[in-house]
Amino acid sequence: MTINTKEVAGVSIIEIADNNVDSRTAPKIQQEIFPLLESNSKIIIDLSEVSYMSSAGLRMLLSSYRQVTAKNGKLVVVGLSEEIKDTMTITGFLDFFKHSENAATGLALLIEK
């Protein structure tokens, strides 16, 4: 599991570079990204490298969303595979998130006035 972070125009971009986000990896990802969520109000979670996400991964995303929005922050999820997007749509999870195709368009969503 690799997590890369960078900051662009006051937005923290968190790239999750793991093929699977499941019950084995989701807690590790959560442990690593939650401190970033506490200190930043504009977050992009880039899932371009993720091809499979279990219910544990969806819970991790929902917890991230709740943590960021509890402090009036904004979170955008980018790079969703069709399978993950379909799962999030069917379960209603996608309704919680702004989402876009890539980090550049996600950045535009967060810095628009």
PDB file of N, CA and C in Angstrom:
ATOM      1  N   MET A   1       0.842  -1.175   0.000  1.00  0.00           N
ATOM      2  CA  MET A   1       0.000   0.000   0.000  1.00  0.00           C
ATOM      3  C   MET A   1       0.887   1.238   0.000  1.00  0.00           C
ATOM      4  N   THR A   2       0.586   2.143  -0.896  1.00  0.00           N
ATOM      5  CA  THR A   2       1.317   3.394  -0.960  1.00  0.00           C
ATOM      6  C   THR A   2       0.313   4.538  -0.984  1.00  0.00           C
ATOM      7  N   ILE A   3       0.574   5.535  -0.150  1.00  0.00           N
ATOM      8  CA  ILE A   3      -0.248   6.735  -0.131  1.00  0.00           C
ATOM      9  C   ILE A   3       0.673   7.916  -0.373  1.00  0.00           C
ATOM     10  N   ASN A   4       0.374   8.666  -1.414  1.00  0.00           N
ATOM     11  CA  ASN A   4       1.152   9.858  -1.734  1.00  0.00           C
ATOM     12  C   ASN A   4       0.287  11.082  -1.465  1.00  0.00           C
ATOM     13  N   THR A   5       0.889  12.080  -0.871  1.00  0.00           N
ATOM     14  CA  THR A   5       0.144  13.311  -0.613  1.00  0.00           C
ATOM     15  C   THR A   5       0.921  14.497  -1.168  1.00  0.00           C
ATOM     16  N   LYS A   6       0.153  15.474  -1.618  1.00  0.00           N
ATOM     17  CA  LYS A   6       0.753  16.725  -2.057  1.00  0.00           C
ATOM     18  C   LYS A   6      -0.269  17.827  -1.844  1.00  0.00           C
ATOM     19  N   GLU A   7       0.214  19.037  -1.843  1.00  0.00           N
ATOM     20  CA  GLU A   7      -0.675  20.175  -1.694  1.00  0.00           C
ATOM     21  C   GLU A   7      -0.560  21.061  -2.922  1.00  0.00           C
ATOM     22  N   VAL A   8      -1.720  21.429  -3.468  1.00  0.00           N
ATOM     23  CA  VAL A   8      -1.789  22.295  -4.634  1.00  0.00           C
ATOM     24  C   VAL A   8      -2.858  23.352  -4.356  1.00  0.00           C
ATOM     25  N   ALA A   9      -2.468  24.609  -4.388  1.00  0.00           N
ATOM     26  CA  ALA A   9      -3.395  25.734  -4.209  1.00  0.00           C
ATOM     27  C   ALA A   9      -4.241  25.594  -2.946  1.00  0.00           C
ATOM     28  N   GLY A  10      -3.625  25.133  -1.863  1.00  0.00           N
ATOM     29  CA  GLY A  10      -4.330  25.008  -0.592  1.00  0.00           C
ATOM     30  C   GLY A  10      -5.215  23.782  -0.481  1.00  0.00           C
ATOM     31  N   VAL A  11      -5.104  22.872  -1.433  1.00  0.00           N
ATOM     32  CA  VAL A  11      -5.892  21.635  -1.436  1.00  0.00           C
ATOM     33  C   VAL A  11      -4.943  20.457  -1.228  1.00  0.00           C
ATOM     34  N   SER A  12      -5.282  19.590  -0.276  1.00  0.00           N
ATOM     35  CA  SER A  12      -4.492  18.376  -0.064  1.00  0.00           C
ATOM     36  C   SER A  12      -4.999  17.283  -0.986  1.00  0.00           C
ATOM     37  N   ILE A  13      -4.087  16.739  -1.775  1.00  0.00           N
ATOM     38  CA  ILE A  13      -4.423  15.647  -2.687  1.00  0.00           C
ATOM     39  C   ILE A  13      -3.814  14.372  -2.119  1.00  0.00           C
ATOM     40  N   ILE A  14      -4.680  13.414  -1.846  1.00  0.00           N
ATOM     41  CA  ILE A  14      -4.260  12.131  -1.288  1.00  0.00           C
ATOM     42  C   ILE A  14      -4.446  11.075  -2.368  1.00  0.00           C
ATOM     43  N   GLU A  15      -3.333  10.516  -2.843  1.00  0.00           N
ATOM     44  CA  GLU A  15      -3.365   9.487  -3.881  1.00  0.00           C
ATOM     45  C   GLU A  15      -3.198   8.122  -3.221  1.00  0.00           C
ATOM     46  N   ILE A  16      -4.191   7.275  -3.384  1.00  0.00           N
ATOM     47  CA  ILE A  16      -4.116   5.921  -2.835  1.00  0.00           C
ATOM     48  C   ILE A  16      -3.685   5.003  -3.964  1.00  0.00           C
ATOM     49  N   ALA A  17      -2.460   4.501  -3.851  1.00  0.00           N
ATOM     50  CA  ALA A  17      -1.881   3.667  -4.898  1.00  0.00           C
ATOM     51  C   ALA A  17      -1.872   2.208  -4.445  1.00  0.00           C
ATOM     52  N   ASP A  18      -3.055   1.644  -4.385  1.00  0.00           N
ATOM     53  CA  ASP A  18      -3.217   0.241  -4.011  1.00  0.00           C
ATOM     54  C   ASP A  18      -4.338  -0.304  -4.879  1.00  0.00           C
ATOM     55  N   ASN A  19      -4.144  -1.448  -5.464  1.00  0.00           N
ATOM     56  CA  ASN A  19      -5.141  -2.020  -6.349  1.00  0.00           C
ATOM     57  C   ASN A  19      -6.460  -2.312  -5.636  1.00  0.00           C
ATOM     58  N   ASN A  20      -6.379  -2.742  -4.389  1.00  0.00           N
ATOM     59  CA  ASN A  20      -7.565  -3.117  -3.624  1.00  0.00           C
ATOM     60  C   ASN A  20      -7.652  -2.331  -2.329  1.00  0.00           C
ATOM     61  N   VAL A  21      -8.830  -1.803  -2.044  1.00  0.00           N
ATOM     62  CA  VAL A  21      -9.098  -1.201  -0.738  1.00  0.00           C
ATOM     63  C   VAL A  21     -10.165  -2.085  -0.115  1.00  0.00           C
ATOM     64  N   ASP A  22      -9.716  -2.879   0.843  1.00  0.00           N
ATOM     65  CA  ASP A  22     -10.605  -3.865   1.457  1.00  0.00           C
ATOM     66  C   ASP A  22     -10.390  -3.894   2.964  1.00  0.00           C
ATOM     67  N   SER A  23     -10.909  -4.911   3.619  1.00  0.00           N
ATOM     68  CA  SER A  23     -10.823  -4.977   5.086  1.00  0.00           C
ATOM     69  C   SER A  23      -9.378  -5.066   5.583  1.00  0.00           C
ATOM     70  N   ARG A  24      -8.483  -5.480   4.736  1.00  0.00           N
ATOM     71  CA  ARG A  24      -7.072  -5.562   5.119  1.00  0.00           C
ATOM     72  C   ARG A  24      -6.386  -4.197   4.990  1.00  0.00           C
ATOM     73  N   THR A  25      -6.680  -3.465   3.935  1.00  0.00           N
ATOM     74  CA  THR A  25      -5.965  -2.215   3.682  1.00  0.00           C
ATOM     75  C   THR A  25      -6.693  -0.963   4.176  1.00  0.00           C
ATOM     76  N   ALA A  26      -8.025  -0.985   4.224  1.00  0.00           N
ATOM     77  CA  ALA A  26      -8.788   0.211   4.609  1.00  0.00           C
ATOM     78  C   ALA A  26      -8.380   0.765   5.981  1.00  0.00           C
ATOM     79  N   PRO A  27      -8.214  -0.069   7.019  1.00  0.00           N
ATOM     80  CA  PRO A  27      -7.796   0.492   8.314  1.00  0.00           C
ATOM     81  C   PRO A  27      -6.426   1.168   8.260  1.00  0.00           C
ATOM     82  N   LYS A  28      -5.508   0.612   7.485  1.00  0.00           N
ATOM     83  CA  LYS A  28      -4.179   1.205   7.348  1.00  0.00           C
ATOM     84  C   LYS A  28      -4.265   2.543   6.612  1.00  0.00           C
ATOM     85  N   ILE A  29      -5.079   2.586   5.571  1.00  0.00           N
ATOM     86  CA  ILE A  29      -5.265   3.833   4.820  1.00  0.00           C
ATOM     87  C   ILE A  29      -5.890   4.881   5.729  1.00  0.00           C
ATOM     88  N   GLN A  30      -6.929   4.479   6.442  1.00  0.00           N
ATOM     89  CA  GLN A  30      -7.615   5.398   7.344  1.00  0.00           C
ATOM     90  C   GLN A  30      -6.654   5.959   8.386  1.00  0.00           C
ATOM     91  N   GLN A  31      -5.843   5.107   8.960  1.00  0.00           N
ATOM     92  CA  GLN A  31      -4.884   5.536   9.975  1.00  0.00           C
ATOM     93  C   GLN A  31      -3.900   6.564   9.409  1.00  0.00           C
ATOM     94  N   GLU A  32      -3.528   6.389   8.168  1.00  0.00           N
ATOM     95  CA  GLU A  32      -2.550   7.296   7.563  1.00  0.00           C
ATOM     96  C   GLU A  32      -3.172   8.618   7.095  1.00  0.00           C
ATOM     97  N   ILE A  33      -4.415   8.579   6.591  1.00  0.00           N
ATOM     98  CA  ILE A  33      -4.968   9.810   6.027  1.00  0.00           C
ATOM     99  C   ILE A  33      -5.758  10.647   7.028  1.00  0.00           C
ATOM    100  N   PHE A  34      -6.267  10.058   8.115  1.00  0.00           N
ATOM    101  CA  PHE A  34      -7.095  10.836   9.031  1.00  0.00           C
ATOM    102  C   PHE A  34      -6.374  12.034   9.643  1.00  0.00           C
ATOM    103  N   PRO A  35      -5.088  11.952   9.986  1.00  0.00           N
ATOM    104  CA  PRO A  35      -4.412  13.165  10.466  1.00  0.00           C
ATOM    105  C   PRO A  35      -4.402  14.283   9.416  1.00  0.00           C
ATOM    106  N   LEU A  36      -4.317  13.920   8.142  1.00  0.00           N
ATOM    107  CA  LEU A  36      -4.370  14.914   7.068  1.00  0.00           C
ATOM    108  C   LEU A  36      -5.754  15.555   6.982  1.00  0.00           C
ATOM    109  N   LEU A  37      -6.782  14.762   7.223  1.00  0.00           N
ATOM    110  CA  LEU A  37      -8.148  15.271   7.157  1.00  0.00           C
ATOM    111  C   LEU A  37      -8.425  16.266   8.279  1.00  0.00           C
ATOM    112  N   GLU A  38      -7.799  16.045   9.424  1.00  0.00           N
ATOM    113  CA  GLU A  38      -8.004  16.931  10.568  1.00  0.00           C
ATOM    114  C   GLU A  38      -7.403  18.306  10.342  1.00  0.00           C
ATOM    115  N   SER A  39      -6.306  18.350   9.615  1.00  0.00           N
ATOM    116  CA  SER A  39      -5.587  19.614   9.480  1.00  0.00           C
ATOM    117  C   SER A  39      -5.876  20.358   8.173  1.00  0.00           C
ATOM    118  N   ASN A  40      -6.696  19.801   7.310  1.00  0.00           N
ATOM    119  CA  ASN A  40      -6.984  20.435   6.026  1.00  0.00           C
ATOM    120  C   ASN A  40      -8.486  20.489   5.781  1.00  0.00           C
ATOM    121  N   SER A  41      -8.940  21.560   5.148  1.00  0.00           N
ATOM    122  CA  SER A  41     -10.376  21.706   4.911  1.00  0.00           C
ATOM    123  C   SER A  41     -10.777  21.414   3.466  1.00  0.00           C
ATOM    124  N   LYS A  42      -9.805  21.302   2.575  1.00  0.00           N
ATOM    125  CA  LYS A  42     -10.096  20.961   1.187  1.00  0.00           C
ATOM    126  C   LYS A  42      -9.261  19.744   0.813  1.00  0.00           C
ATOM    127  N   ILE A  43      -9.966  18.661   0.496  1.00  0.00           N
ATOM    128  CA  ILE A  43      -9.314  17.371   0.289  1.00  0.00           C
ATOM    129  C   ILE A  43      -9.755  16.757  -1.036  1.00  0.00           C
ATOM    130  N   ILE A  44      -8.805  16.197  -1.757  1.00  0.00           N
ATOM    131  CA  ILE A  44      -9.093  15.336  -2.904  1.00  0.00           C
ATOM    132  C   ILE A  44      -8.547  13.955  -2.553  1.00  0.00           C
ATOM    133  N   ILE A  45      -9.381  12.946  -2.696  1.00  0.00           N
ATOM    134  CA  ILE A  45      -8.919  11.562  -2.560  1.00  0.00           C
ATOM    135  C   ILE A  45      -8.920  10.973  -3.966  1.00  0.00           C
ATOM    136  N   ASP A  46      -7.721  10.661  -4.435  1.00  0.00           N
ATOM    137  CA  ASP A  46      -7.529  10.153  -5.791  1.00  0.00           C
ATOM    138  C   ASP A  46      -7.472   8.627  -5.758  1.00  0.00           C
ATOM    139  N   LEU A  47      -8.466   8.006  -6.382  1.00  0.00           N
ATOM    140  CA  LEU A  47      -8.568   6.544  -6.408  1.00  0.00           C
ATOM    141  C   LEU A  47      -8.261   5.975  -7.792  1.00  0.00           C
ATOM    142  N   SER A  48      -7.491   6.695  -8.585  1.00  0.00           N
ATOM    143  CA  SER A  48      -7.177   6.264  -9.947  1.00  0.00           C
ATOM    144  C   SER A  48      -6.506   4.900 -10.007  1.00  0.00           C
ATOM    145  N   GLU A  49      -5.739   4.557  -8.980  1.00  0.00           N
ATOM    146  CA  GLU A  49      -5.005   3.292  -8.965  1.00  0.00           C
ATOM    147  C   GLU A  49      -5.789   2.164  -8.292  1.00  0.00           C
ATOM    148  N   VAL A  50      -6.993   2.467  -7.813  1.00  0.00           N
ATOM    149  CA  VAL A  50      -7.797   1.478  -7.086  1.00  0.00           C
ATOM    150  C   VAL A  50      -8.807   0.863  -8.050  1.00  0.00           C
ATOM    151  N   SER A  51      -8.758  -0.466  -8.189  1.00  0.00           N
ATOM    152  CA  SER A  51      -9.709  -1.127  -9.082  1.00  0.00           C
ATOM    153  C   SER A  51     -10.815  -1.846  -8.317  1.00  0.00           C
ATOM    154  N   TYR A  52     -10.601  -2.120  -7.028  1.00  0.00           N
ATOM    155  CA  TYR A  52     -11.609  -2.817  -6.221  1.00  0.00           C
ATOM    156  C   TYR A  52     -11.725  -2.148  -4.861  1.00  0.00           C
ATOM    157  N   MET A  53     -12.965  -1.956  -4.406  1.00  0.00           N
ATOM    158  CA  MET A  53     -13.201  -1.394  -3.091  1.00  0.00           C
ATOM    159  C   MET A  53     -14.320  -2.190  -2.419  1.00  0.00           C
ATOM    160  N   SER A  54     -14.016  -2.747  -1.256  1.00  0.00           N
ATOM    161  CA  SER A  54     -15.015  -3.505  -0.501  1.00  0.00           C
ATOM    162  C   SER A  54     -15.837  -2.551   0.362  1.00  0.00           C
ATOM    163  N   SER A  55     -16.754  -3.127   1.124  1.00  0.00           N
ATOM    164  CA  SER A  55     -17.564  -2.308   2.027  1.00  0.00           C
ATOM    165  C   SER A  55     -16.693  -1.612   3.071  1.00  0.00           C
ATOM    166  N   ALA A  56     -15.572  -2.205   3.429  1.00  0.00           N
ATOM    167  CA  ALA A  56     -14.648  -1.554   4.374  1.00  0.00           C
ATOM    168  C   ALA A  56     -14.058  -0.290   3.755  1.00  0.00           C
ATOM    169  N   GLY A  57     -13.772  -0.332   2.479  1.00  0.00           N
ATOM    170  CA  GLY A  57     -13.276   0.846   1.775  1.00  0.00           C
ATOM    171  C   GLY A  57     -14.335   1.925   1.684  1.00  0.00           C
ATOM    172  N   LEU A  58     -15.574   1.515   1.424  1.00  0.00           N
ATOM    173  CA  LEU A  58     -16.668   2.482   1.371  1.00  0.00           C
ATOM    174  C   LEU A  58     -16.875   3.143   2.733  1.00  0.00           C
ATOM    175  N   ARG A  59     -16.784   2.361   3.803  1.00  0.00           N
ATOM    176  CA  ARG A  59     -16.899   2.925   5.160  1.00  0.00           C
ATOM    177  C   ARG A  59     -15.775   3.912   5.435  1.00  0.00           C
ATOM    178  N   MET A  60     -14.574   3.598   4.977  1.00  0.00           N
ATOM    179  CA  MET A  60     -13.437   4.499   5.154  1.00  0.00           C
ATOM    180  C   MET A  60     -13.695   5.821   4.432  1.00  0.00           C
ATOM    181  N   LEU A  61     -14.241   5.757   3.215  1.00  0.00           N
ATOM    182  CA  LEU A  61     -14.564   6.976   2.480  1.00  0.00           C
ATOM    183  C   LEU A  61     -15.648   7.781   3.183  1.00  0.00           C
ATOM    184  N   LEU A  62     -16.676   7.094   3.671  1.00  0.00           N
ATOM    185  CA  LEU A  62     -17.755   7.785   4.368  1.00  0.00           C
ATOM    186  C   LEU A  62     -17.252   8.427   5.657  1.00  0.00           C
ATOM    187  N   SER A  63     -16.399   7.735   6.390  1.00  0.00           N
ATOM    188  CA  SER A  63     -15.811   8.312   7.608  1.00  0.00           C
ATOM    189  C   SER A  63     -14.969   9.537   7.267  1.00  0.00           C
ATOM    190  N   SER A  64     -14.239   9.467   6.170  1.00  0.00           N
ATOM    191  CA  SER A  64     -13.437  10.607   5.722  1.00  0.00           C
ATOM    192  C   SER A  64     -14.339  11.787   5.399  1.00  0.00           C
ATOM    193  N   TYR A  65     -15.414  11.510   4.671  1.00  0.00           N
ATOM    194  CA  TYR A  65     -16.375  12.558   4.317  1.00  0.00           C
ATOM    195  C   TYR A  65     -16.943  13.214   5.580  1.00  0.00           C
ATOM    196  N   ARG A  66     -17.353  12.401   6.524  1.00  0.00           N
ATOM    197  CA  ARG A  66     -17.938  12.940   7.768  1.00  0.00           C
ATOM    198  C   ARG A  66     -16.934  13.780   8.539  1.00  0.00           C
ATOM    199  N   GLN A  67     -15.698  13.326   8.588  1.00  0.00           N
ATOM    200  CA  GLN A  67     -14.676  14.065   9.324  1.00  0.00           C
ATOM    201  C   GLN A  67     -14.419  15.430   8.687  1.00  0.00           C
ATOM    202  N   VAL A  68     -14.337  15.467   7.370  1.00  0.00           N
ATOM    203  CA  VAL A  68     -14.053  16.721   6.676  1.00  0.00           C
ATOM    204  C   VAL A  68     -15.243  17.674   6.753  1.00  0.00           C
ATOM    205  N   THR A  69     -16.440  17.167   6.515  1.00  0.00           N
ATOM    206  CA  THR A  69     -17.605  18.050   6.510  1.00  0.00           C
ATOM    207  C   THR A  69     -18.003  18.495   7.910  1.00  0.00           C
ATOM    208  N   ALA A  70     -17.606  17.767   8.938  1.00  0.00           N
ATOM    209  CA  ALA A  70     -17.912  18.170  10.316  1.00  0.00           C
ATOM    210  C   ALA A  70     -17.256  19.506  10.648  1.00  0.00           C
ATOM    211  N   LYS A  71     -16.173  19.818   9.965  1.00  0.00           N
ATOM    212  CA  LYS A  71     -15.500  21.100  10.195  1.00  0.00           C
ATOM    213  C   LYS A  71     -15.673  22.045   9.002  1.00  0.00           C
ATOM    214  N   ASN A  72     -16.791  21.844   8.296  1.00  0.00           N
ATOM    215  CA  ASN A  72     -17.161  22.673   7.143  1.00  0.00           C
ATOM    216  C   ASN A  72     -16.153  22.627   5.999  1.00  0.00           C
ATOM    217  N   GLY A  73     -15.472  21.500   5.871  1.00  0.00           N
ATOM    218  CA  GLY A  73     -14.542  21.323   4.772  1.00  0.00           C
ATOM    219  C   GLY A  73     -15.233  20.706   3.571  1.00  0.00           C
ATOM    220  N   LYS A  74     -14.461  20.516   2.516  1.00  0.00           N
ATOM    221  CA  LYS A  74     -14.976  19.922   1.283  1.00  0.00           C
ATOM    222  C   LYS A  74     -14.068  18.779   0.874  1.00  0.00           C
ATOM    223  N   LEU A  75     -14.697  17.720   0.364  1.00  0.00           N
ATOM    224  CA  LEU A  75     -13.953  16.545  -0.077  1.00  0.00           C
ATOM    225  C   LEU A  75     -14.457  16.146  -1.464  1.00  0.00           C
ATOM    226  N   VAL A  76     -13.521  15.897  -2.361  1.00  0.00           N
ATOM    227  CA  VAL A  76     -13.838  15.434  -3.715  1.00  0.00           C
ATOM    228  C   VAL A  76     -13.106  14.118  -3.932  1.00  0.00           C
ATOM    229  N   VAL A  77     -13.822  13.151  -4.502  1.00  0.00           N
ATOM    230  CA  VAL A  77     -13.231  11.858  -4.846  1.00  0.00           C
ATOM    231  C   VAL A  77     -13.022  11.849  -6.355  1.00  0.00           C
ATOM    232  N   VAL A  78     -11.817  11.478  -6.782  1.00  0.00           N
ATOM    233  CA  VAL A  78     -11.505  11.473  -8.211  1.00  0.00           C
ATOM    234  C   VAL A  78     -10.960  10.119  -8.645  1.00  0.00           C
ATOM    235  N   GLY A  79     -11.059   9.867  -9.943  1.00  0.00           N
ATOM    236  CA  GLY A  79     -10.462   8.675 -10.527  1.00  0.00           C
ATOM    237  C   GLY A  79     -11.204   7.389 -10.222  1.00  0.00           C
ATOM    238  N   LEU A  80     -12.516   7.457 -10.045  1.00  0.00           N
ATOM    239  CA  LEU A  80     -13.278   6.247  -9.732  1.00  0.00           C
ATOM    240  C   LEU A  80     -13.366   5.334 -10.951  1.00  0.00           C
ATOM    241  N   SER A  81     -13.060   4.064 -10.746  1.00  0.00           N
ATOM    242  CA  SER A  81     -13.265   3.095 -11.826  1.00  0.00           C
ATOM    243  C   SER A  81     -14.779   2.934 -12.023  1.00  0.00           C
ATOM    244  N   GLU A  82     -15.174   2.424 -13.166  1.00  0.00           N
ATOM    245  CA  GLU A  82     -16.603   2.227 -13.434  1.00  0.00           C
ATOM    246  C   GLU A  82     -17.229   1.295 -12.397  1.00  0.00           C
ATOM    247  N   GLU A  83     -16.513   0.252 -12.011  1.00  0.00           N
ATOM    248  CA  GLU A  83     -17.035  -0.696 -11.022  1.00  0.00           C
ATOM    249  C   GLU A  83     -17.274  -0.021  -9.680  1.00  0.00           C
ATOM    250  N   ILE A  84     -16.316   0.763  -9.233  1.00  0.00           N
ATOM    251  CA  ILE A  84     -16.473   1.447  -7.946  1.00  0.00           C
ATOM    252  C   ILE A  84     -17.567   2.503  -8.040  1.00  0.00           C
ATOM    253  N   LYS A  85     -17.617   3.226  -9.144  1.00  0.00           N
ATOM    254  CA  LYS A  85     -18.657   4.236  -9.332  1.00  0.00           C
ATOM    255  C   LYS A  85     -20.044   3.583  -9.312  1.00  0.00           C
ATOM    256  N   ASP A  86     -20.181   2.439  -9.982  1.00  0.00           N
ATOM    257  CA  ASP A  86     -21.461   1.728  -9.991  1.00  0.00           C
ATOM    258  C   ASP A  86     -21.855   1.287  -8.582  1.00  0.00           C
ATOM    259  N   THR A  87     -20.897   0.731  -7.851  1.00  0.00           N
ATOM    260  CA  THR A  87     -21.177   0.294  -6.475  1.00  0.00           C
ATOM    261  C   THR A  87     -21.585   1.468  -5.600  1.00  0.00           C
ATOM    262  N   MET A  88     -20.879   2.581  -5.731  1.00  0.00           N
ATOM    263  CA  MET A  88     -21.204   3.757  -4.933  1.00  0.00           C
ATOM    264  C   MET A  88     -22.557   4.343  -5.319  1.00  0.00           C
ATOM    265  N   THR A  89     -22.928   4.239  -6.583  1.00  0.00           N
ATOM    266  CA  THR A  89     -24.238   4.729  -7.034  1.00  0.00           C
ATOM    267  C   THR A  89     -25.351   3.854  -6.472  1.00  0.00           C
ATOM    268  N   ILE A  90     -25.210   2.549  -6.596  1.00  0.00           N
ATOM    269  CA  ILE A  90     -26.233   1.604  -6.128  1.00  0.00           C
ATOM    270  C   ILE A  90     -26.445   1.715  -4.625  1.00  0.00           C
ATOM    271  N   THR A  91     -25.362   1.884  -3.876  1.00  0.00           N
ATOM    272  CA  THR A  91     -25.474   1.950  -2.412  1.00  0.00           C
ATOM    273  C   THR A  91     -25.845   3.337  -1.904  1.00  0.00           C
ATOM    274  N   GLY A  92     -25.849   4.322  -2.793  1.00  0.00           N
ATOM    275  CA  GLY A  92     -26.179   5.684  -2.385  1.00  0.00           C
ATOM    276  C   GLY A  92     -24.986   6.472  -1.867  1.00  0.00           C
ATOM    277  N   PHE A  93     -23.818   5.865  -1.833  1.00  0.00           N
ATOM    278  CA  PHE A  93     -22.620   6.539  -1.333  1.00  0.00           C
ATOM    279  C   PHE A  93     -22.211   7.701  -2.226  1.00  0.00           C
ATOM    280  N   LEU A  94     -22.426   7.575  -3.518  1.00  0.00           N
ATOM    281  CA  LEU A  94     -21.977   8.617  -4.438  1.00  0.00           C
ATOM    282  C   LEU A  94     -22.716   9.935  -4.198  1.00  0.00           C
ATOM    283  N   ASP A  95     -23.914   9.853  -3.620  1.00  0.00           N
ATOM    284  CA  ASP A  95     -24.685  11.063  -3.317  1.00  0.00           C
ATOM    285  C   ASP A  95     -23.978  11.963  -2.301  1.00  0.00           C
ATOM    286  N   PHE A  96     -23.117  11.395  -1.476  1.00  0.00           N
ATOM    287  CA  PHE A  96     -22.416  12.166  -0.458  1.00  0.00           C
ATOM    288  C   PHE A  96     -21.245  12.965  -1.031  1.00  0.00           C
ATOM    289  N   PHE A  97     -20.694  12.521  -2.129  1.00  0.00           N
ATOM    290  CA  PHE A  97     -19.427  13.051  -2.612  1.00  0.00           C
ATOM    291  C   PHE A  97     -19.562  13.862  -3.888  1.00  0.00           C
ATOM    292  N   LYS A  98     -18.800  14.950  -3.944  1.00  0.00           N
ATOM    293  CA  LYS A  98     -18.514  15.535  -5.247  1.00  0.00           C
ATOM    294  C   LYS A  98     -17.468  14.615  -5.853  1.00  0.00           C
ATOM    295  N   HIS A  99     -17.536  14.405  -7.144  1.00  0.00           N
ATOM    296  CA  HIS A  99     -16.558  13.525  -7.780  1.00  0.00           C
ATOM    297  C   HIS A  99     -16.253  14.036  -9.175  1.00  0.00           C
ATOM    298  N   SER A 100     -15.078  13.676  -9.642  1.00  0.00           N
ATOM    299  CA  SER A 100     -14.683  14.049 -10.995  1.00  0.00           C
ATOM    300  C   SER A 100     -13.721  13.005 -11.544  1.00  0.00           C
ATOM    301  N   GLU A 101     -13.374  13.176 -12.794  1.00  0.00           N
ATOM    302  CA  GLU A 101     -12.544  12.187 -13.477  1.00  0.00           C
ATOM    303  C   GLU A 101     -11.104  12.153 -12.990  1.00  0.00           C
ATOM    304  N   ASN A 102     -10.539  13.326 -12.660  1.00  0.00           N
ATOM    305  CA  ASN A 102      -9.130  13.357 -12.278  1.00  0.00           C
ATOM    306  C   ASN A 102      -8.868  14.484 -11.284  1.00  0.00           C
ATOM    307  N   ALA A 103      -7.646  14.547 -10.791  1.00  0.00           N
ATOM    308  CA  ALA A 103      -7.285  15.536  -9.769  1.00  0.00           C
ATOM    309  C   ALA A 103      -7.396  16.967 -10.293  1.00  0.00           C
ATOM    310  N   ALA A 104      -7.094  17.190 -11.563  1.00  0.00           N
ATOM    311  CA  ALA A 104      -7.161  18.547 -12.111  1.00  0.00           C
ATOM    312  C   ALA A 104      -8.596  19.077 -12.090  1.00  0.00           C
ATOM    313  N   THR A 105      -9.548  18.264 -12.525  1.00  0.00           N
ATOM    314  CA  THR A 105     -10.945  18.706 -12.504  1.00  0.00           C
ATOM    315  C   THR A 105     -11.485  18.735 -11.087  1.00  0.00           C
ATOM    316  N   GLY A 106     -10.999  17.856 -10.221  1.00  0.00           N
ATOM    317  CA  GLY A 106     -11.385  17.895  -8.809  1.00  0.00           C
ATOM    318  C   GLY A 106     -10.892  19.162  -8.134  1.00  0.00           C
ATOM    319  N   LEU A 107      -9.700  19.563  -8.499  1.00  0.00           N
ATOM    320  CA  LEU A 107      -9.127  20.807  -7.965  1.00  0.00           C
ATOM    321  C   LEU A 107      -9.988  21.999  -8.362  1.00  0.00           C
ATOM    322  N   ALA A 108     -10.448  22.004  -9.596  1.00  0.00           N
ATOM    323  CA  ALA A 108     -11.311  23.087 -10.074  1.00  0.00           C
ATOM    324  C   ALA A 108     -12.611  23.141  -9.264  1.00  0.00           C
ATOM    325  N   LEU A 109     -13.144  21.990  -8.880  1.00  0.00           N
ATOM    326  CA  LEU A 109     -14.361  21.962  -8.060  1.00  0.00           C
ATOM    327  C   LEU A 109     -14.129  22.594  -6.679  1.00  0.00           C
ATOM    328  N   LEU A 110     -12.938  22.404  -6.145  1.00  0.00           N
ATOM    329  CA  LEU A 110     -12.659  22.892  -4.795  1.00  0.00           C
ATOM    330  C   LEU A 110     -12.239  24.349  -4.746  1.00  0.00           C
ATOM    331  N   ILE A 111     -11.669  24.853  -5.815  1.00  0.00           N
ATOM    332  CA  ILE A 111     -11.204  26.243  -5.750  1.00  0.00           C
ATOM    333  C   ILE A 111     -12.131  27.212  -6.467  1.00  0.00           C
ATOM    334  N   GLU A 112     -13.245  26.685  -7.035  1.00  0.00           N
ATOM    335  CA  GLU A 112     -14.203  27.593  -7.661  1.00  0.00           C
ATOM    336  C   GLU A 112     -14.877  28.439  -6.585  1.00  0.00           C
ATOM    337  N   LYS A 113     -15.222  29.640  -6.949  1.00  0.00           N
ATOM    338  CA  LYS A 113     -15.771  30.557  -5.954  1.00  0.00           C
ATOM    339  C   LYS A 113     -17.254  30.565  -5.968  1.00  0.00           C
TER     340      LYS A 113
END
